[in-house]
Amino acid sequence: MSENTKVEAKRVFIGAGCNRVVNNVSWGASGLVSFGAQNAVAISAPKTAQILTTLPGHKASVNCTHWLPSSKFAFKGKGNHRFVSGAEEKVVRVFEAPLSFLKTLKHTCAGGEGSFPEDLQADVQVLGANMSALGLSQKPIYLHSSSEPVERNGGGEGLERFETVPEAAPAELKEPPIEDQLAFHTLWPESHKLYGHGNELFSLCSNHNGSLVASSCKAQSASMAEIWLWEVWTWKAVGRLQSHSLTVTHLEFSYDDTLLLSVSRDRHFSVFSIQRADNGEVSQKLMAKVEAHKRIIWACSWNPFGHQFATSSRDKTVKIWSIEKDTTRIRQILALPQFGSSVTAVAWTGLDHKEKSARLCSGWDGDWPDRAVERKD
């Protein structure tokens, strides 16, 4: 993009659907956005500026949401949309889109002229969801009734019985829903609850092929500051990574999924090697731990074209680091000019794959997002 290129930005006003402060935003593979807000998650379609559904279930403020990026979960492929969310309640919740929602989404995105793919319909087993009597979770409604247990997630555990589809089953919506329809016809089932953390959830991320999820919680000790790794297909814990002594504030996998980067309130960042054996077992090893800043480190981001990453901190700085090839040595290669306030966010995106050029954007505790830096390797 040249300096003379004209860029137009249009602001689209979308209500969060949760009538409270929006704590975080996450983009889905098909353009959906999830808003983490007080006690709920709202899902919207930016293209039509509509709130598609609001998902209850959490009993406290939602701190983090993250869409699983695998193409298997994208709208154009087979399978459901899935995302994970964490709140101030020690539980990671997994939501997946039912068939009624996907049909409604297809109709909405196609402007009323789209047809739902038969192969996708055959692959999605969940029709909709019902809120349990006590309102503790959204139970799935399946397409077919059966008295035999059906194996889920490709494993021998967690067998469930399909429930009979009720007469008032969720259906495809072809126009903006009223409140009662929104609550029932677009409700997503909560497929799993992941227990293990001892305190409120703080950060979530997944690797780029959608096979692993990493999570962290608020911590005042090394034992509480463990990073948990979860296998997506079984939703079992496959690793507990120890390095930090205080809350891990941000997690991100490298673009080749071989490294996991974490930053913390303890002013350190850690880099873990993540490997999967031929038998599917996941192994992890701490490669490096570095005291990188003078204050809390709030965020981190990987270069899309290599093993360089950025960290941002309350000390008003953003630093660029590089992992030397074929070694575990990490060195600082650049420090941006000091900001005017705490740098709370940083994100790296690729511009040109051939030239391996990328742009780094940072946000700080002020009135406007701050600098964007372009880099070529």
Protein backbone atom coordinates (compact mmCIF):
# COMPACT_ATOMS: atom_id res chain seq x y z
CA MET A 1 0.00 0.00 0.00
CA SER A 2 1.54 3.29 -1.06
CA GLU A 3 1.36 6.52 0.90
CA ASN A 4 -0.98 7.96 -1.74
CA THR A 5 -3.47 5.12 -1.48
CA LYS A 6 -6.82 6.41 -0.32
CA VAL A 7 -8.24 4.47 2.60
CA GLU A 8 -11.85 4.83 3.66
CA ALA A 9 -13.15 3.68 7.01
CA LYS A 10 -16.81 3.40 7.86
CA ARG A 11 -17.97 3.14 11.43
CA VAL A 12 -20.70 0.58 11.99
CA PHE A 13 -22.60 0.92 15.24
CA ILE A 14 -23.36 -2.46 16.78
CA GLY A 15 -24.88 -2.85 20.23
CA ALA A 16 -22.99 -5.41 22.31
CA GLY A 17 -26.25 -7.13 23.26
CA CYS A 18 -25.21 -7.52 26.89
CA ASN A 19 -26.01 -4.03 28.24
CA ARG A 20 -22.68 -3.89 30.09
CA VAL A 21 -19.06 -3.02 29.39
CA VAL A 22 -17.51 -4.97 26.50
CA ASN A 23 -14.33 -6.57 27.84
CA ASN A 24 -12.91 -8.07 24.66
CA VAL A 25 -13.59 -8.80 20.99
CA SER A 26 -12.62 -11.81 18.88
CA TRP A 27 -12.96 -12.30 15.10
CA GLY A 28 -14.22 -15.61 13.74
CA ALA A 29 -13.03 -17.36 10.59
CA SER A 30 -16.19 -16.39 8.71
CA GLY A 31 -16.35 -12.77 9.81
CA LEU A 32 -18.39 -13.26 12.96
CA VAL A 33 -17.42 -11.29 16.04
CA SER A 34 -17.85 -12.42 19.64
CA PHE A 35 -18.13 -9.76 22.33
CA GLY A 36 -17.19 -10.76 25.84
CA ALA A 37 -19.37 -8.74 28.20
CA GLN A 38 -20.94 -8.95 31.62
CA ASN A 39 -22.13 -12.56 32.24
CA ALA A 40 -22.66 -13.27 28.54
CA VAL A 41 -21.17 -13.41 25.07
CA ALA A 42 -22.82 -11.63 22.13
CA ILE A 43 -22.20 -12.79 18.55
CA SER A 44 -22.68 -10.35 15.69
CA ALA A 45 -22.33 -10.17 11.91
CA PRO A 46 -20.46 -6.95 11.06
CA LYS A 47 -21.53 -7.14 7.40
CA THR A 48 -25.18 -6.66 8.34
CA ALA A 49 -24.56 -4.82 11.64
CA GLN A 50 -26.78 -7.31 13.45
CA ILE A 51 -26.52 -9.04 16.80
CA LEU A 52 -27.20 -12.65 15.85
CA THR A 53 -27.41 -14.12 19.32
CA THR A 54 -26.50 -13.52 22.95
CA LEU A 55 -25.25 -16.54 24.88
CA PRO A 56 -25.83 -16.72 28.61
CA GLY A 57 -24.14 -19.31 30.81
CA HIS A 58 -21.35 -17.46 32.54
CA LYS A 59 -21.99 -16.44 36.13
CA ALA A 60 -19.49 -13.60 36.17
CA SER A 61 -17.88 -11.04 33.90
CA VAL A 62 -16.45 -12.61 30.73
CA ASN A 63 -12.75 -11.75 30.48
CA CYS A 64 -11.72 -13.52 27.28
CA THR A 65 -13.17 -15.15 24.17
CA HIS A 66 -11.39 -16.87 21.31
CA TRP A 67 -12.63 -18.45 18.08
CA LEU A 68 -11.07 -21.71 16.98
CA PRO A 69 -9.45 -20.83 13.65
CA SER A 70 -9.35 -24.23 11.96
CA SER A 71 -10.93 -24.34 8.50
CA LYS A 72 -12.95 -27.30 9.72
CA PHE A 73 -14.88 -24.88 11.88
CA ALA A 74 -15.21 -22.15 9.28
CA PHE A 75 -18.60 -21.50 7.75
CA LYS A 76 -17.43 -22.47 4.27
CA GLY A 77 -16.15 -25.83 5.48
CA LYS A 78 -17.66 -28.73 7.36
CA GLY A 79 -18.48 -28.64 11.05
CA ASN A 80 -19.65 -26.03 13.48
CA HIS A 81 -18.32 -22.67 14.48
CA ARG A 82 -16.70 -23.13 17.87
CA PHE A 83 -15.24 -20.73 20.36
CA VAL A 84 -14.01 -20.82 23.92
CA SER A 85 -14.65 -18.23 26.58
CA GLY A 86 -13.48 -17.63 30.11
CA ALA A 87 -14.86 -15.54 32.94
CA GLU A 88 -14.24 -14.73 36.57
CA GLU A 89 -15.49 -18.19 37.56
CA LYS A 90 -12.51 -20.55 36.98
CA VAL A 91 -14.20 -22.39 34.08
CA VAL A 92 -13.42 -22.40 30.35
CA ARG A 93 -16.65 -22.90 28.39
CA VAL A 94 -16.86 -24.29 24.86
CA PHE A 95 -19.75 -23.21 22.62
CA GLU A 96 -20.61 -24.57 19.17
CA ALA A 97 -23.04 -23.29 16.58
CA PRO A 98 -26.17 -25.41 15.96
CA LEU A 99 -27.70 -26.09 12.55
CA SER A 100 -30.55 -23.61 13.07
CA PHE A 101 -28.04 -20.81 13.67
CA LEU A 102 -25.88 -21.75 10.67
CA LYS A 103 -28.91 -21.76 8.37
CA THR A 104 -29.97 -18.37 9.70
CA LEU A 105 -26.44 -17.07 9.23
CA LYS A 106 -26.31 -18.36 5.66
CA HIS A 107 -29.63 -16.68 4.87
CA THR A 108 -28.50 -13.42 6.46
CA CYS A 109 -25.12 -13.30 4.69
CA ALA A 110 -26.68 -14.18 1.33
CA GLY A 111 -29.29 -11.46 1.60
CA GLY A 112 -32.13 -13.97 1.65
CA GLU A 113 -31.00 -15.76 -1.52
CA GLY A 114 -28.58 -18.33 -0.14
CA SER A 115 -29.16 -22.06 0.14
CA PHE A 116 -27.60 -24.17 2.87
CA PRO A 117 -24.97 -26.71 1.67
CA GLU A 118 -26.15 -30.31 2.00
CA ASP A 119 -22.69 -31.59 3.02
CA LEU A 120 -22.54 -29.10 5.90
CA GLN A 121 -26.06 -29.98 7.01
CA ALA A 122 -25.12 -33.67 7.12
CA ASP A 123 -22.04 -32.94 9.20
CA VAL A 124 -23.71 -30.87 11.93
CA GLN A 125 -25.53 -33.04 14.48
CA VAL A 126 -26.79 -30.33 16.83
CA LEU A 127 -30.03 -28.63 15.84
CA GLY A 128 -30.29 -26.10 18.64
CA ALA A 129 -30.16 -25.66 22.40
CA ASN A 130 -32.48 -25.56 25.38
CA MET A 131 -31.76 -23.67 28.58
CA SER A 132 -31.75 -26.08 31.52
CA ALA A 133 -34.38 -25.71 34.23
CA LEU A 134 -31.96 -24.03 36.62
CA GLY A 135 -30.43 -21.94 33.88
CA LEU A 136 -26.97 -23.38 34.51
CA SER A 137 -26.16 -24.37 30.92
CA GLN A 138 -27.54 -24.69 27.40
CA LYS A 139 -28.29 -28.35 26.64
CA PRO A 140 -28.00 -29.45 22.99
CA ILE A 141 -30.99 -30.51 20.91
CA TYR A 142 -29.94 -33.14 18.37
CA LEU A 143 -31.25 -33.70 14.87
CA HIS A 144 -32.10 -37.35 15.45
CA SER A 145 -33.47 -39.12 18.49
CA SER A 146 -31.85 -42.33 19.64
CA SER A 147 -31.85 -44.53 22.70
CA GLU A 148 -28.29 -45.70 21.98
CA PRO A 149 -25.30 -43.74 23.26
CA VAL A 150 -23.45 -41.89 20.52
CA GLU A 151 -19.70 -41.45 20.57
CA ARG A 152 -18.54 -37.83 20.42
CA ASN A 153 -15.16 -36.22 19.91
CA GLY A 154 -13.70 -39.41 18.43
CA GLY A 155 -13.00 -40.96 21.83
CA GLY A 156 -14.43 -43.68 23.99
CA GLU A 157 -15.31 -41.37 26.85
CA GLY A 158 -18.03 -38.81 27.29
CA LEU A 159 -20.81 -40.88 25.69
CA GLU A 160 -24.08 -39.03 25.54
CA ARG A 161 -27.61 -39.97 24.56
CA PHE A 162 -29.33 -37.99 21.85
CA GLU A 163 -32.38 -36.15 23.04
CA THR A 164 -35.65 -36.24 21.13
CA VAL A 165 -36.19 -33.19 18.97
CA PRO A 166 -39.10 -31.29 20.55
CA GLU A 167 -42.02 -30.06 18.52
CA ALA A 168 -40.97 -26.46 19.16
CA ALA A 169 -37.49 -27.06 17.80
CA PRO A 170 -35.29 -24.13 16.73
CA ALA A 171 -35.83 -23.16 13.12
CA GLU A 172 -34.16 -21.05 10.45
CA LEU A 173 -34.90 -17.33 10.79
CA LYS A 174 -35.32 -15.30 7.60
CA GLU A 175 -35.81 -11.89 9.18
CA PRO A 176 -34.45 -10.03 12.20
CA PRO A 177 -35.71 -11.91 15.27
CA ILE A 178 -37.74 -10.49 18.09
CA GLU A 179 -36.49 -10.96 21.64
CA ASP A 180 -38.18 -14.33 22.30
CA GLN A 181 -36.98 -15.76 19.00
CA LEU A 182 -33.47 -14.53 19.62
CA ALA A 183 -33.40 -16.24 22.99
CA PHE A 184 -34.56 -19.63 21.70
CA HIS A 185 -33.94 -20.04 17.98
CA THR A 186 -30.36 -18.75 17.99
CA LEU A 187 -29.14 -20.18 21.29
CA TRP A 188 -25.88 -22.14 21.09
CA PRO A 189 -25.32 -25.29 23.15
CA GLU A 190 -22.51 -25.30 25.65
CA SER A 191 -20.67 -28.46 24.62
CA HIS A 192 -17.97 -28.61 27.29
CA LYS A 193 -16.79 -27.07 30.55
CA LEU A 194 -13.06 -27.22 31.20
CA TYR A 195 -12.06 -27.33 34.85
CA GLY A 196 -8.58 -26.99 36.25
CA HIS A 197 -7.73 -23.36 36.97
CA GLY A 198 -7.86 -22.25 40.58
CA ASN A 199 -8.76 -18.62 39.90
CA GLU A 200 -10.67 -16.47 37.42
CA LEU A 201 -9.75 -16.92 33.74
CA PHE A 202 -7.65 -14.14 32.24
CA SER A 203 -6.36 -15.17 28.80
CA LEU A 204 -7.17 -17.67 26.04
CA CYS A 205 -5.66 -18.51 22.66
CA SER A 206 -5.49 -21.39 20.19
CA ASN A 207 -2.87 -22.54 17.73
CA HIS A 208 -3.42 -21.82 14.05
CA ASN A 209 -4.61 -25.26 13.03
CA GLY A 210 -7.21 -25.26 15.81
CA SER A 211 -5.98 -28.39 17.59
CA LEU A 212 -4.81 -26.85 20.88
CA VAL A 213 -6.16 -24.21 23.26
CA ALA A 214 -4.04 -22.49 25.90
CA SER A 215 -5.50 -20.75 28.95
CA SER A 216 -4.33 -18.82 31.99
CA CYS A 217 -5.92 -17.39 35.12
CA LYS A 218 -5.29 -14.65 37.67
CA ALA A 219 -2.40 -15.63 39.90
CA GLN A 220 -0.36 -14.50 42.87
CA SER A 221 1.88 -17.57 42.96
CA ALA A 222 3.78 -19.83 40.57
CA SER A 223 1.36 -22.73 41.06
CA MET A 224 -1.63 -20.59 40.09
CA ALA A 225 0.24 -19.04 37.14
CA GLU A 226 0.37 -22.34 35.24
CA ILE A 227 -0.65 -22.28 31.58
CA TRP A 228 -2.99 -25.13 30.69
CA LEU A 229 -3.02 -26.79 27.26
CA TRP A 230 -6.24 -28.45 26.07
CA GLU A 231 -6.69 -30.89 23.19
CA VAL A 232 -9.62 -29.67 21.06
CA TRP A 233 -10.92 -33.06 19.94
CA THR A 234 -11.08 -34.59 23.43
CA TRP A 235 -11.08 -31.38 25.49
CA LYS A 236 -8.67 -33.00 27.91
CA ALA A 237 -5.74 -31.21 29.51
CA VAL A 238 -2.52 -32.29 27.77
CA GLY A 239 -0.06 -29.96 29.43
CA ARG A 240 0.54 -27.62 32.37
CA LEU A 241 3.32 -25.14 31.66
CA GLN A 242 5.17 -23.58 34.57
CA SER A 243 7.35 -20.50 34.29
CA HIS A 244 5.68 -17.37 35.66
CA SER A 245 5.00 -16.29 39.25
CA LEU A 246 2.12 -13.87 38.61
CA THR A 247 -0.85 -13.60 36.22
CA VAL A 248 -0.12 -14.53 32.61
CA THR A 249 -1.72 -11.59 30.80
CA HIS A 250 -1.43 -12.71 27.16
CA LEU A 251 -0.76 -15.90 25.20
CA GLU A 252 -0.04 -16.43 21.51
CA PHE A 253 1.20 -19.30 19.33
CA SER A 254 3.76 -18.68 16.59
CA TYR A 255 2.41 -18.96 13.06
CA ASP A 256 4.08 -22.34 12.53
CA ASP A 257 2.52 -23.58 15.81
CA THR A 258 5.87 -24.78 17.18
CA LEU A 259 6.22 -22.09 19.87
CA LEU A 260 3.95 -20.62 22.53
CA LEU A 261 4.71 -17.13 23.83
CA SER A 262 3.43 -15.90 27.20
CA VAL A 263 3.82 -12.57 28.99
CA SER A 264 3.05 -11.82 32.60
CA ARG A 265 2.64 -9.35 35.40
CA ASP A 266 5.98 -10.61 36.70
CA ARG A 267 7.66 -8.57 33.88
CA HIS A 268 8.95 -11.68 32.12
CA PHE A 269 8.09 -13.36 28.87
CA SER A 270 8.47 -17.10 28.33
CA VAL A 271 8.80 -19.12 25.14
CA PHE A 272 7.74 -22.77 25.13
CA SER A 273 8.48 -25.35 22.45
CA ILE A 274 5.29 -27.27 21.50
CA GLN A 275 5.73 -30.53 19.60
CA ARG A 276 3.32 -33.29 18.59
CA ALA A 277 4.64 -36.84 18.21
CA ASP A 278 3.56 -39.31 15.53
CA ASN A 279 1.22 -40.97 18.03
CA GLY A 280 -0.51 -37.64 18.67
CA GLU A 281 0.97 -36.94 22.09
CA VAL A 282 1.82 -33.31 22.81
CA SER A 283 5.13 -32.46 24.45
CA GLN A 284 6.20 -29.06 25.72
CA LYS A 285 9.45 -27.56 26.99
CA LEU A 286 10.43 -24.16 28.35
CA MET A 287 12.96 -22.69 25.91
CA ALA A 288 13.59 -19.31 27.51
CA LYS A 289 12.42 -16.94 30.20
CA VAL A 290 13.50 -13.30 30.01
CA GLU A 291 12.87 -10.27 32.22
CA ALA A 292 11.93 -7.96 29.38
CA HIS A 293 10.40 -4.82 30.92
CA LYS A 294 10.44 -2.73 34.07
CA ARG A 295 6.67 -2.97 34.62
CA ILE A 296 3.81 -5.35 33.83
CA ILE A 297 3.86 -6.78 30.31
CA TRP A 298 0.36 -6.50 28.86
CA ALA A 299 0.53 -7.99 25.40
CA CYS A 300 2.62 -9.85 22.82
CA SER A 301 2.42 -10.68 19.12
CA TRP A 302 4.38 -12.86 16.66
CA ASN A 303 5.75 -11.76 13.31
CA PRO A 304 3.74 -13.72 10.69
CA PHE A 305 6.93 -14.46 8.71
CA GLY A 306 9.38 -15.64 11.33
CA HIS A 307 10.32 -16.18 14.94
CA GLN A 308 10.36 -12.52 15.92
CA PHE A 309 7.84 -11.15 18.38
CA ALA A 310 6.84 -7.91 20.08
CA THR A 311 6.02 -7.20 23.72
CA SER A 312 4.29 -4.15 25.19
CA SER A 313 4.29 -2.95 28.77
CA ARG A 314 3.12 -0.55 31.40
CA ASP A 315 6.63 0.95 31.27
CA LYS A 316 5.47 2.75 28.06
CA THR A 317 7.66 0.72 25.72
CA VAL A 318 7.30 -1.79 22.88
CA LYS A 319 10.27 -4.08 22.25
CA ILE A 320 11.00 -6.43 19.34
CA TRP A 321 12.74 -9.73 20.02
CA SER A 322 14.22 -12.43 17.81
CA ILE A 323 14.94 -16.12 18.40
CA GLU A 324 18.22 -16.95 16.74
CA LYS A 325 18.00 -19.76 14.20
CA ASP A 326 18.84 -23.27 15.45
CA THR A 327 19.37 -21.95 18.98
CA THR A 328 17.30 -21.04 22.01
CA ARG A 329 18.99 -17.66 22.41
CA ILE A 330 16.65 -14.65 22.33
CA ARG A 331 17.94 -11.14 21.75
CA GLN A 332 16.32 -7.73 21.60
CA ILE A 333 16.63 -6.26 18.11
CA LEU A 334 14.59 -3.07 18.43
CA ALA A 335 12.87 -0.79 20.93
CA LEU A 336 10.28 1.68 19.68
CA PRO A 337 10.39 5.30 20.88
CA GLN A 338 8.79 5.58 24.29
CA PHE A 339 5.04 6.10 24.38
CA GLY A 340 3.15 8.61 26.48
CA SER A 341 1.36 6.02 28.57
CA SER A 342 1.07 2.31 29.33
CA VAL A 343 1.05 0.26 26.09
CA THR A 344 -1.83 -2.15 26.60
CA ALA A 345 -2.07 -3.88 23.20
CA VAL A 346 0.14 -4.88 20.29
CA ALA A 347 -0.66 -6.79 17.10
CA TRP A 348 1.50 -7.86 14.14
CA THR A 349 0.01 -8.50 10.70
CA GLY A 350 1.52 -9.53 7.39
CA LEU A 351 1.47 -7.21 4.36
CA ASP A 352 3.43 -8.93 1.59
CA HIS A 353 4.39 -12.59 1.82
CA LYS A 354 6.91 -12.40 -1.03
CA GLU A 355 8.81 -9.50 0.51
CA LYS A 356 8.07 -10.71 4.05
CA SER A 357 6.92 -7.26 5.08
CA ALA A 358 4.67 -6.83 8.08
CA ARG A 359 3.09 -4.06 10.13
CA LEU A 360 2.96 -3.75 13.88
CA CYS A 361 0.18 -1.76 15.54
CA SER A 362 0.10 -0.80 19.20
CA GLY A 363 -2.57 0.63 21.45
CA TRP A 364 -1.95 2.60 24.59
CA ASP A 365 -3.79 3.97 27.59
CA GLY A 366 -4.82 7.23 25.95
CA ASP A 367 -7.39 8.77 23.62
CA TRP A 368 -6.26 7.15 20.34
CA PRO A 369 -4.47 4.02 19.13
CA ASP A 370 -0.83 4.86 18.59
CA ARG A 371 1.94 4.01 16.17
CA ALA A 372 1.99 1.56 13.32
CA VAL A 373 5.45 0.33 12.35
CA GLU A 374 6.28 -1.44 9.10
CA ARG A 375 9.15 -3.90 8.96
CA LYS A 376 10.81 -5.92 6.19
CA ASP A 377 13.02 -8.91 6.95
